[in-house]
Amino acid sequence: MTTYDDFKRRFKLLADKNQHLVINTLSNIFTMRLIGNKSHGDLAEIGMAEFINQFMYDYKSIHVGKDLFRAKEHEEDIMIISEITKEKFPLSLKAYGDGPLQLSTDSDQNMFPFLERQGTDVTGEKKIEAIFGAKEFADFDAINVMPLIYDEKKQQCNIMIFNHKKAADATRRIVYIGKNQKFDIDSKNVISGKGRTHPIFMFVDTDSHYICEVRYGGASANALQRGLWTHTKNAASYFDSLTSGWIDYSHNHTLVRLFSLALNSSERGHKIANDILQKDIERLKTL
């Protein structure tokens, strides 16, 4: 078991035993969407880093994002250190709606060109095994991603971890889907279909069910058009939930007011507020 695997196991135990702590933090994180659609992602990084420091006693977490908030060298946002073994590992936080989910940007643009050289419809256990074992796919499961998934209409959330090993073991076909094409599960063929701007390679299982995809990685592609992606609805069976399924969350309008006041108050006021908030966290730990 890797340090990350042990961390996931410990996090799930905490979430099962003290679900109110997870619900409280996630509710506050997703409340940030009331401030702006892009606010909650960055704030999720510092929120979950602090969650680990406050409630997971065997781990220490450091937020490494954006060169203290500027350009990042790697995709990971948090560095987690085991207080027992002193081993450390990076973690990438994703706060996404229930649907398409980026697992890796494939910043070196290795995956898509490599798959193009393999053909437009790859089958056969040995061929697929060789693809996953190729150096171009070395990053397929190298990035530790913790997605915080939300369904805003239902006000439910889930911490869903993509099971890369299960996905790789289950892949039975890798098929190219070009511009204005789609995969028809009934006929198990690629057919014409409007909407797609850039091509993908889709990975499907023995029943032709969707697992994941590698998106176009050319020079004109942006972050949404390249890399390794999956879909939390279409590939639900290839995720492990650290919250044991969907949990309800609620918006905290008082938190929005707190941010408004904090941005207009002094550091002296912030220090006083920090002391009050820490006392409240200690109270939550005893519930």
C-alpha atoms as a PDB file:
ATOM      1  CA  MET A   1       0.000   0.000   0.000  1.00  0.00           C
ATOM      2  CA  THR A   2       1.389   3.412  -0.999  1.00  0.00           C
ATOM      3  CA  THR A   3       1.371   6.435   1.298  1.00  0.00           C
ATOM      4  CA  TYR A   4      -1.404   7.919  -0.841  1.00  0.00           C
ATOM      5  CA  ASP A   5      -3.471   4.719  -0.589  1.00  0.00           C
ATOM      6  CA  ASP A   6      -3.111   4.801   3.190  1.00  0.00           C
ATOM      7  CA  PHE A   7      -4.100   8.465   3.229  1.00  0.00           C
ATOM      8  CA  LYS A   8      -7.269   7.720   1.226  1.00  0.00           C
ATOM      9  CA  ARG A   9      -8.145   4.894   3.598  1.00  0.00           C
ATOM     10  CA  ARG A  10      -7.663   7.144   6.629  1.00  0.00           C
ATOM     11  CA  PHE A  11      -9.652   9.975   5.044  1.00  0.00           C
ATOM     12  CA  LYS A  12     -12.567   7.629   4.342  1.00  0.00           C
ATOM     13  CA  LEU A  13     -12.528   6.403   7.946  1.00  0.00           C
ATOM     14  CA  LEU A  14     -12.674   9.987   9.153  1.00  0.00           C
ATOM     15  CA  ALA A  15     -15.485  10.851   6.734  1.00  0.00           C
ATOM     16  CA  ASP A  16     -17.516   7.814   7.816  1.00  0.00           C
ATOM     17  CA  LYS A  17     -17.048   8.459  11.518  1.00  0.00           C
ATOM     18  CA  ASN A  18     -17.297  12.271  11.499  1.00  0.00           C
ATOM     19  CA  GLN A  19     -19.324  13.086   8.414  1.00  0.00           C
ATOM     20  CA  HIS A  20     -20.338  16.466   9.885  1.00  0.00           C
ATOM     21  CA  LEU A  21     -16.747  17.702   9.508  1.00  0.00           C
ATOM     22  CA  VAL A  22     -16.652  16.879   5.798  1.00  0.00           C
ATOM     23  CA  ILE A  23     -20.130  18.298   5.182  1.00  0.00           C
ATOM     24  CA  ASN A  24     -19.218  21.523   6.973  1.00  0.00           C
ATOM     25  CA  THR A  25     -16.020  22.096   4.976  1.00  0.00           C
ATOM     26  CA  LEU A  26     -17.505  21.129   1.610  1.00  0.00           C
ATOM     27  CA  SER A  27     -20.558  23.310   2.233  1.00  0.00           C
ATOM     28  CA  ASN A  28     -18.261  26.260   2.859  1.00  0.00           C
ATOM     29  CA  ILE A  29     -16.181  25.483  -0.241  1.00  0.00           C
ATOM     30  CA  PHE A  30     -19.172  25.202  -2.564  1.00  0.00           C
ATOM     31  CA  THR A  31     -20.672  28.352  -1.020  1.00  0.00           C
ATOM     32  CA  MET A  32     -17.800  30.149  -2.734  1.00  0.00           C
ATOM     33  CA  ARG A  33     -19.623  29.601  -6.031  1.00  0.00           C
ATOM     34  CA  LEU A  34     -21.998  32.325  -4.841  1.00  0.00           C
ATOM     35  CA  ILE A  35     -19.027  34.706  -5.030  1.00  0.00           C
ATOM     36  CA  GLY A  36     -17.920  33.501  -8.469  1.00  0.00           C
ATOM     37  CA  ASN A  37     -17.925  30.357 -10.593  1.00  0.00           C
ATOM     38  CA  LYS A  38     -14.130  30.138 -10.518  1.00  0.00           C
ATOM     39  CA  SER A  39     -13.611  31.100  -6.879  1.00  0.00           C
ATOM     40  CA  HIS A  40     -14.363  27.751  -5.267  1.00  0.00           C
ATOM     41  CA  GLY A  41     -11.573  25.833  -7.041  1.00  0.00           C
ATOM     42  CA  ASP A  42      -8.682  27.854  -5.653  1.00  0.00           C
ATOM     43  CA  LEU A  43     -10.319  28.192  -2.239  1.00  0.00           C
ATOM     44  CA  ALA A  44     -10.901  24.414  -2.166  1.00  0.00           C
ATOM     45  CA  GLU A  45      -7.122  23.969  -2.233  1.00  0.00           C
ATOM     46  CA  ILE A  46      -6.479  26.009   0.904  1.00  0.00           C
ATOM     47  CA  GLY A  47      -9.685  24.743   2.544  1.00  0.00           C
ATOM     48  CA  MET A  48      -8.827  21.062   2.130  1.00  0.00           C
ATOM     49  CA  ALA A  49      -5.188  21.655   3.093  1.00  0.00           C
ATOM     50  CA  GLU A  50      -6.403  23.170   6.362  1.00  0.00           C
ATOM     51  CA  PHE A  51      -8.966  20.363   6.792  1.00  0.00           C
ATOM     52  CA  ILE A  52      -6.108  17.843   6.745  1.00  0.00           C
ATOM     53  CA  ASN A  53      -4.079  19.882   9.249  1.00  0.00           C
ATOM     54  CA  GLN A  54      -7.007  20.344  11.622  1.00  0.00           C
ATOM     55  CA  PHE A  55      -8.669  16.938  11.568  1.00  0.00           C
ATOM     56  CA  MET A  56      -6.196  14.307  10.277  1.00  0.00           C
ATOM     57  CA  TYR A  57      -3.735  14.161  13.135  1.00  0.00           C
ATOM     58  CA  ASP A  58      -1.268  11.813  11.426  1.00  0.00           C
ATOM     59  CA  TYR A  59      -0.750  14.130   8.440  1.00  0.00           C
ATOM     60  CA  LYS A  60       0.532  17.613   7.747  1.00  0.00           C
ATOM     61  CA  SER A  61      -0.495  19.480   4.620  1.00  0.00           C
ATOM     62  CA  ILE A  62       1.181  22.368   2.811  1.00  0.00           C
ATOM     63  CA  HIS A  63      -0.521  24.364   0.085  1.00  0.00           C
ATOM     64  CA  VAL A  64       2.020  24.680  -2.734  1.00  0.00           C
ATOM     65  CA  GLY A  65      -0.269  26.212  -5.359  1.00  0.00           C
ATOM     66  CA  LYS A  66       0.736  29.005  -7.649  1.00  0.00           C
ATOM     67  CA  ASP A  67       4.137  29.986  -6.189  1.00  0.00           C
ATOM     68  CA  LEU A  68       2.241  31.210  -3.349  1.00  0.00           C
ATOM     69  CA  PHE A  69      -0.491  32.022  -5.586  1.00  0.00           C
ATOM     70  CA  ARG A  70       1.171  32.506  -8.947  1.00  0.00           C
ATOM     71  CA  ALA A  71       2.237  30.119 -11.750  1.00  0.00           C
ATOM     72  CA  LYS A  72       2.720  26.486 -10.719  1.00  0.00           C
ATOM     73  CA  GLU A  73       5.468  24.222 -12.004  1.00  0.00           C
ATOM     74  CA  HIS A  74       3.416  21.040 -11.534  1.00  0.00           C
ATOM     75  CA  GLU A  75      -0.239  20.097 -11.503  1.00  0.00           C
ATOM     76  CA  GLU A  76      -0.350  19.271  -7.801  1.00  0.00           C
ATOM     77  CA  ASP A  77      -1.791  21.780  -5.335  1.00  0.00           C
ATOM     78  CA  ILE A  78      -1.041  20.272  -1.918  1.00  0.00           C
ATOM     79  CA  MET A  79       1.935  18.457  -0.422  1.00  0.00           C
ATOM     80  CA  ILE A  80       0.933  15.943   2.261  1.00  0.00           C
ATOM     81  CA  ILE A  81       3.430  14.613   4.788  1.00  0.00           C
ATOM     82  CA  SER A  82       2.870  11.590   7.018  1.00  0.00           C
ATOM     83  CA  GLU A  83       3.724  12.508  10.593  1.00  0.00           C
ATOM     84  CA  ILE A  84       4.477   8.836  11.284  1.00  0.00           C
ATOM     85  CA  THR A  85       6.679   7.771   8.354  1.00  0.00           C
ATOM     86  CA  LYS A  86       7.721  11.314   7.239  1.00  0.00           C
ATOM     87  CA  GLU A  87       6.959  10.254   3.664  1.00  0.00           C
ATOM     88  CA  LYS A  88       5.352  12.914   1.508  1.00  0.00           C
ATOM     89  CA  PHE A  89       3.320  12.966  -1.671  1.00  0.00           C
ATOM     90  CA  PRO A  90       1.650  15.637  -3.822  1.00  0.00           C
ATOM     91  CA  LEU A  91      -2.112  15.902  -4.295  1.00  0.00           C
ATOM     92  CA  SER A  92      -4.105  17.720  -6.954  1.00  0.00           C
ATOM     93  CA  LEU A  93      -7.486  19.124  -5.890  1.00  0.00           C
ATOM     94  CA  LYS A  94     -10.302  19.370  -8.446  1.00  0.00           C
ATOM     95  CA  ALA A  95     -13.653  21.024  -7.724  1.00  0.00           C
ATOM     96  CA  TYR A  96     -15.931  20.024 -10.611  1.00  0.00           C
ATOM     97  CA  GLY A  97     -19.609  19.671 -11.335  1.00  0.00           C
ATOM     98  CA  ASP A  98     -20.995  16.161 -11.845  1.00  0.00           C
ATOM     99  CA  GLY A  99     -19.868  15.398 -15.399  1.00  0.00           C
ATOM    100  CA  PRO A 100     -16.601  15.756 -17.365  1.00  0.00           C
ATOM    101  CA  LEU A 101     -13.515  15.621 -15.145  1.00  0.00           C
ATOM    102  CA  GLN A 102      -9.920  16.311 -16.135  1.00  0.00           C
ATOM    103  CA  LEU A 103      -7.451  13.875 -14.563  1.00  0.00           C
ATOM    104  CA  SER A 104      -4.289  15.187 -16.204  1.00  0.00           C
ATOM    105  CA  THR A 105      -3.423  18.007 -18.598  1.00  0.00           C
ATOM    106  CA  ASP A 106      -0.807  15.831 -20.370  1.00  0.00           C
ATOM    107  CA  SER A 107       1.238  19.020 -20.581  1.00  0.00           C
ATOM    108  CA  ASP A 108       3.986  17.351 -22.644  1.00  0.00           C
ATOM    109  CA  GLN A 109       1.367  16.244 -25.216  1.00  0.00           C
ATOM    110  CA  ASN A 110       2.489  12.627 -25.267  1.00  0.00           C
ATOM    111  CA  MET A 111      -0.716  10.580 -25.047  1.00  0.00           C
ATOM    112  CA  PHE A 112      -2.729  11.687 -28.057  1.00  0.00           C
ATOM    113  CA  PRO A 113       0.101  11.582 -30.671  1.00  0.00           C
ATOM    114  CA  PHE A 114       1.139   8.186 -29.309  1.00  0.00           C
ATOM    115  CA  LEU A 115      -2.400   6.804 -29.686  1.00  0.00           C
ATOM    116  CA  GLU A 116      -2.586   8.173 -33.240  1.00  0.00           C
ATOM    117  CA  ARG A 117       0.365   5.953 -34.116  1.00  0.00           C
ATOM    118  CA  GLN A 118      -1.436   2.880 -32.740  1.00  0.00           C
ATOM    119  CA  GLY A 119      -4.422   3.137 -35.086  1.00  0.00           C
ATOM    120  CA  THR A 120      -8.025   4.325 -34.952  1.00  0.00           C
ATOM    121  CA  ASP A 121      -9.513   1.209 -33.357  1.00  0.00           C
ATOM    122  CA  VAL A 122      -7.271  -0.764 -31.011  1.00  0.00           C
ATOM    123  CA  THR A 123      -8.410  -4.063 -29.536  1.00  0.00           C
ATOM    124  CA  GLY A 124      -6.646  -7.080 -28.095  1.00  0.00           C
ATOM    125  CA  GLU A 125      -5.470  -7.561 -24.561  1.00  0.00           C
ATOM    126  CA  LYS A 126      -1.747  -7.528 -25.378  1.00  0.00           C
ATOM    127  CA  LYS A 127      -1.962  -4.387 -27.533  1.00  0.00           C
ATOM    128  CA  ILE A 128      -3.887  -2.479 -24.890  1.00  0.00           C
ATOM    129  CA  GLU A 129      -1.589  -3.703 -22.139  1.00  0.00           C
ATOM    130  CA  ALA A 130       1.385  -2.460 -24.175  1.00  0.00           C
ATOM    131  CA  ILE A 131      -0.222   0.983 -24.518  1.00  0.00           C
ATOM    132  CA  PHE A 132      -0.678   1.334 -20.770  1.00  0.00           C
ATOM    133  CA  GLY A 133       2.891   0.141 -20.277  1.00  0.00           C
ATOM    134  CA  ALA A 134       4.393   2.597 -22.771  1.00  0.00           C
ATOM    135  CA  LYS A 135       6.493   5.533 -21.584  1.00  0.00           C
ATOM    136  CA  GLU A 136       3.990   7.916 -23.193  1.00  0.00           C
ATOM    137  CA  PHE A 137       1.419   6.666 -20.679  1.00  0.00           C
ATOM    138  CA  ALA A 138       3.731   6.886 -17.670  1.00  0.00           C
ATOM    139  CA  ASP A 139       1.626   9.715 -16.246  1.00  0.00           C
ATOM    140  CA  PHE A 140      -1.697   7.856 -16.645  1.00  0.00           C
ATOM    141  CA  ASP A 141      -1.848   7.112 -12.919  1.00  0.00           C
ATOM    142  CA  ALA A 142       1.100   9.173 -11.711  1.00  0.00           C
ATOM    143  CA  ILE A 143      -0.888  12.184 -10.513  1.00  0.00           C
ATOM    144  CA  ASN A 144      -2.818  11.878  -7.246  1.00  0.00           C
ATOM    145  CA  VAL A 145      -6.129  13.600  -7.933  1.00  0.00           C
ATOM    146  CA  MET A 146      -8.822  14.248  -5.310  1.00  0.00           C
ATOM    147  CA  PRO A 147     -11.953  15.509  -7.079  1.00  0.00           C
ATOM    148  CA  LEU A 148     -14.575  17.339  -5.037  1.00  0.00           C
ATOM    149  CA  ILE A 149     -17.680  16.733  -7.149  1.00  0.00           C
ATOM    150  CA  TYR A 150     -20.892  18.703  -6.712  1.00  0.00           C
ATOM    151  CA  ASP A 151     -24.418  18.621  -8.104  1.00  0.00           C
ATOM    152  CA  GLU A 152     -25.626  22.171  -7.641  1.00  0.00           C
ATOM    153  CA  LYS A 153     -29.287  21.465  -8.453  1.00  0.00           C
ATOM    154  CA  LYS A 154     -29.545  18.697  -5.846  1.00  0.00           C
ATOM    155  CA  GLN A 155     -27.055  20.410  -3.504  1.00  0.00           C
ATOM    156  CA  GLN A 156     -25.172  17.174  -3.092  1.00  0.00           C
ATOM    157  CA  CYS A 157     -21.444  16.492  -3.212  1.00  0.00           C
ATOM    158  CA  ASN A 158     -19.071  13.564  -3.342  1.00  0.00           C
ATOM    159  CA  ILE A 159     -15.308  13.048  -3.085  1.00  0.00           C
ATOM    160  CA  MET A 160     -14.737  10.620  -5.960  1.00  0.00           C
ATOM    161  CA  ILE A 161     -11.350   9.053  -6.727  1.00  0.00           C
ATOM    162  CA  PHE A 162     -10.847   7.609 -10.211  1.00  0.00           C
ATOM    163  CA  ASN A 163      -9.572   4.033  -9.979  1.00  0.00           C
ATOM    164  CA  HIS A 164      -6.847   4.035 -12.623  1.00  0.00           C
ATOM    165  CA  LYS A 165      -5.917   0.382 -12.148  1.00  0.00           C
ATOM    166  CA  LYS A 166      -9.516  -0.798 -12.489  1.00  0.00           C
ATOM    167  CA  ALA A 167      -9.901   1.378 -15.584  1.00  0.00           C
ATOM    168  CA  ALA A 168      -6.762   0.009 -17.212  1.00  0.00           C
ATOM    169  CA  ASP A 169      -7.681  -3.601 -16.390  1.00  0.00           C
ATOM    170  CA  ALA A 170     -11.194  -3.141 -17.791  1.00  0.00           C
ATOM    171  CA  THR A 171     -10.237  -1.432 -21.068  1.00  0.00           C
ATOM    172  CA  ARG A 172     -11.034  -3.649 -24.049  1.00  0.00           C
ATOM    173  CA  ARG A 173     -11.054  -1.125 -26.869  1.00  0.00           C
ATOM    174  CA  ILE A 174      -9.536   2.276 -27.649  1.00  0.00           C
ATOM    175  CA  VAL A 175     -11.394   3.993 -30.470  1.00  0.00           C
ATOM    176  CA  TYR A 176     -10.759   7.263 -32.314  1.00  0.00           C
ATOM    177  CA  ILE A 177     -13.700   9.670 -32.486  1.00  0.00           C
ATOM    178  CA  GLY A 178     -13.178  12.568 -34.849  1.00  0.00           C
ATOM    179  CA  LYS A 179     -14.729  15.985 -35.285  1.00  0.00           C
ATOM    180  CA  ASN A 180     -18.540  15.830 -35.496  1.00  0.00           C
ATOM    181  CA  GLN A 181     -18.559  12.144 -34.592  1.00  0.00           C
ATOM    182  CA  LYS A 182     -19.795  10.192 -31.574  1.00  0.00           C
ATOM    183  CA  PHE A 183     -19.710   6.626 -30.279  1.00  0.00           C
ATOM    184  CA  ASP A 184     -22.991   4.709 -30.528  1.00  0.00           C
ATOM    185  CA  ILE A 185     -23.169   2.133 -27.723  1.00  0.00           C
ATOM    186  CA  ASP A 186     -25.952   0.138 -29.411  1.00  0.00           C
ATOM    187  CA  SER A 187     -24.108  -0.480 -32.664  1.00  0.00           C
ATOM    188  CA  LYS A 188     -20.695  -0.169 -30.952  1.00  0.00           C
ATOM    189  CA  ASN A 189     -19.561   1.979 -33.861  1.00  0.00           C
ATOM    190  CA  VAL A 190     -18.487   5.548 -34.461  1.00  0.00           C
ATOM    191  CA  ILE A 191     -21.236   7.525 -36.193  1.00  0.00           C
ATOM    192  CA  SER A 192     -21.827  11.107 -37.296  1.00  0.00           C
ATOM    193  CA  GLY A 193     -22.858  13.458 -34.521  1.00  0.00           C
ATOM    194  CA  LYS A 194     -22.735  17.208 -34.099  1.00  0.00           C
ATOM    195  CA  GLY A 195     -20.985  19.043 -31.321  1.00  0.00           C
ATOM    196  CA  ARG A 196     -17.417  17.725 -31.107  1.00  0.00           C
ATOM    197  CA  THR A 197     -14.813  20.304 -32.106  1.00  0.00           C
ATOM    198  CA  HIS A 198     -11.660  18.277 -31.434  1.00  0.00           C
ATOM    199  CA  PRO A 199     -11.062  14.519 -31.724  1.00  0.00           C
ATOM    200  CA  ILE A 200     -10.586  12.117 -28.830  1.00  0.00           C
ATOM    201  CA  PHE A 201      -9.564   8.531 -28.176  1.00  0.00           C
ATOM    202  CA  MET A 202     -12.246   6.843 -26.080  1.00  0.00           C
ATOM    203  CA  PHE A 203     -11.511   3.899 -23.781  1.00  0.00           C
ATOM    204  CA  VAL A 204     -14.391   1.446 -23.351  1.00  0.00           C
ATOM    205  CA  ASP A 205     -14.911  -1.818 -21.471  1.00  0.00           C
ATOM    206  CA  THR A 206     -16.158  -5.216 -22.600  1.00  0.00           C
ATOM    207  CA  ASP A 207     -19.760  -3.933 -22.735  1.00  0.00           C
ATOM    208  CA  SER A 208     -18.669  -0.851 -24.715  1.00  0.00           C
ATOM    209  CA  HIS A 209     -19.326   1.357 -21.683  1.00  0.00           C
ATOM    210  CA  TYR A 210     -17.316   4.551 -21.410  1.00  0.00           C
ATOM    211  CA  ILE A 211     -14.277   4.561 -19.080  1.00  0.00           C
ATOM    212  CA  CYS A 212     -12.175   7.597 -19.987  1.00  0.00           C
ATOM    213  CA  GLU A 213     -10.762   9.528 -22.915  1.00  0.00           C
ATOM    214  CA  VAL A 214      -7.614  11.212 -24.162  1.00  0.00           C
ATOM    215  CA  ARG A 215      -8.369  14.533 -25.804  1.00  0.00           C
ATOM    216  CA  TYR A 216      -6.653  16.211 -28.727  1.00  0.00           C
ATOM    217  CA  GLY A 217      -3.276  17.568 -27.779  1.00  0.00           C
ATOM    218  CA  GLY A 218      -2.202  19.743 -30.696  1.00  0.00           C
ATOM    219  CA  ALA A 219      -0.655  23.190 -30.521  1.00  0.00           C
ATOM    220  CA  SER A 220      -4.040  24.902 -30.850  1.00  0.00           C
ATOM    221  CA  ALA A 221      -5.617  22.942 -27.991  1.00  0.00           C
ATOM    222  CA  ASN A 222      -6.357  24.663 -24.704  1.00  0.00           C
ATOM    223  CA  ALA A 223      -6.510  23.006 -21.278  1.00  0.00           C
ATOM    224  CA  LEU A 224     -10.106  21.855 -21.851  1.00  0.00           C
ATOM    225  CA  GLN A 225      -9.218  20.226 -25.177  1.00  0.00           C
ATOM    226  CA  ARG A 226      -6.255  18.109 -24.164  1.00  0.00           C
ATOM    227  CA  GLY A 227      -5.160  15.556 -21.611  1.00  0.00           C
ATOM    228  CA  LEU A 228      -6.760  12.637 -19.819  1.00  0.00           C
ATOM    229  CA  TRP A 229     -10.457  13.056 -19.001  1.00  0.00           C
ATOM    230  CA  THR A 230     -13.251  10.940 -17.646  1.00  0.00           C
ATOM    231  CA  HIS A 231     -16.904  11.529 -16.749  1.00  0.00           C
ATOM    232  CA  THR A 232     -18.281  11.133 -13.223  1.00  0.00           C
ATOM    233  CA  LYS A 233     -21.737  10.122 -14.480  1.00  0.00           C
ATOM    234  CA  ASN A 234     -20.801   7.933 -17.442  1.00  0.00           C
ATOM    235  CA  ALA A 235     -17.909   6.185 -15.692  1.00  0.00           C
ATOM    236  CA  ALA A 236     -19.361   6.017 -12.166  1.00  0.00           C
ATOM    237  CA  SER A 237     -18.344   2.376 -11.656  1.00  0.00           C
ATOM    238  CA  TYR A 238     -14.675   3.359 -12.082  1.00  0.00           C
ATOM    239  CA  PHE A 239     -14.687   5.717  -9.102  1.00  0.00           C
ATOM    240  CA  ASP A 240     -14.211   5.065  -5.387  1.00  0.00           C
ATOM    241  CA  SER A 241     -16.051   7.430  -3.059  1.00  0.00           C
ATOM    242  CA  LEU A 242     -14.240   8.712   0.042  1.00  0.00           C
ATOM    243  CA  THR A 243     -17.565  10.001   1.369  1.00  0.00           C
ATOM    244  CA  SER A 244     -19.360   6.654   0.851  1.00  0.00           C
ATOM    245  CA  GLY A 245     -21.583   8.185  -1.807  1.00  0.00           C
ATOM    246  CA  TRP A 246     -23.381  11.485  -2.213  1.00  0.00           C
ATOM    247  CA  ILE A 247     -23.896  13.715   0.808  1.00  0.00           C
ATOM    248  CA  ASP A 248     -26.061  16.819   1.162  1.00  0.00           C
ATOM    249  CA  TYR A 249     -24.481  20.232   1.526  1.00  0.00           C
ATOM    250  CA  SER A 250     -25.927  23.703   2.062  1.00  0.00           C
ATOM    251  CA  HIS A 251     -24.861  27.248   1.287  1.00  0.00           C
ATOM    252  CA  ASN A 252     -23.455  29.314   4.132  1.00  0.00           C
ATOM    253  CA  HIS A 253     -24.539  32.892   3.418  1.00  0.00           C
ATOM    254  CA  THR A 254     -22.893  34.075   6.638  1.00  0.00           C
ATOM    255  CA  LEU A 255     -19.534  33.038   5.149  1.00  0.00           C
ATOM    256  CA  VAL A 256     -20.106  35.303   2.144  1.00  0.00           C
ATOM    257  CA  ARG A 257     -20.752  38.175   4.540  1.00  0.00           C
ATOM    258  CA  LEU A 258     -17.593  37.244   6.464  1.00  0.00           C
ATOM    259  CA  PHE A 259     -15.507  37.525   3.281  1.00  0.00           C
ATOM    260  CA  SER A 260     -17.059  40.911   2.533  1.00  0.00           C
ATOM    261  CA  LEU A 261     -16.143  42.187   5.987  1.00  0.00           C
ATOM    262  CA  ALA A 262     -12.667  40.591   5.941  1.00  0.00           C
ATOM    263  CA  LEU A 263     -11.757  42.348   2.710  1.00  0.00           C
ATOM    264  CA  ASN A 264     -12.601  45.681   4.301  1.00  0.00           C
ATOM    265  CA  SER A 265     -11.130  45.148   7.760  1.00  0.00           C
ATOM    266  CA  SER A 266      -7.548  45.324   9.034  1.00  0.00           C
ATOM    267  CA  GLU A 267      -5.054  42.590   9.862  1.00  0.00           C
ATOM    268  CA  ARG A 268      -5.702  43.311  13.542  1.00  0.00           C
ATOM    269  CA  GLY A 269      -9.337  42.323  13.033  1.00  0.00           C
ATOM    270  CA  HIS A 270      -8.289  39.247  11.068  1.00  0.00           C
ATOM    271  CA  LYS A 271      -6.100  38.054  13.964  1.00  0.00           C
ATOM    272  CA  ILE A 272      -8.979  38.386  16.406  1.00  0.00           C
ATOM    273  CA  ALA A 273     -11.278  36.551  13.988  1.00  0.00           C
ATOM    274  CA  ASN A 274      -8.703  33.773  13.524  1.00  0.00           C
ATOM    275  CA  ASP A 275      -8.651  33.105  17.267  1.00  0.00           C
ATOM    276  CA  ILE A 276     -12.442  32.907  17.365  1.00  0.00           C
ATOM    277  CA  LEU A 277     -12.565  30.587  14.339  1.00  0.00           C
ATOM    278  CA  GLN A 278      -9.913  28.260  15.799  1.00  0.00           C
ATOM    279  CA  LYS A 279     -11.945  27.929  18.992  1.00  0.00           C
ATOM    280  CA  ASP A 280     -14.961  26.982  16.898  1.00  0.00           C
ATOM    281  CA  ILE A 281     -12.948  24.323  15.053  1.00  0.00           C
ATOM    282  CA  GLU A 282     -11.916  22.849  18.416  1.00  0.00           C
ATOM    283  CA  ARG A 283     -15.612  22.721  19.304  1.00  0.00           C
ATOM    284  CA  LEU A 284     -16.406  20.860  16.062  1.00  0.00           C
ATOM    285  CA  LYS A 285     -13.783  18.246  16.936  1.00  0.00           C
ATOM    286  CA  THR A 286     -15.685  17.320  20.106  1.00  0.00           C
ATOM    287  CA  LEU A 287     -19.071  16.836  18.437  1.00  0.00           C
END
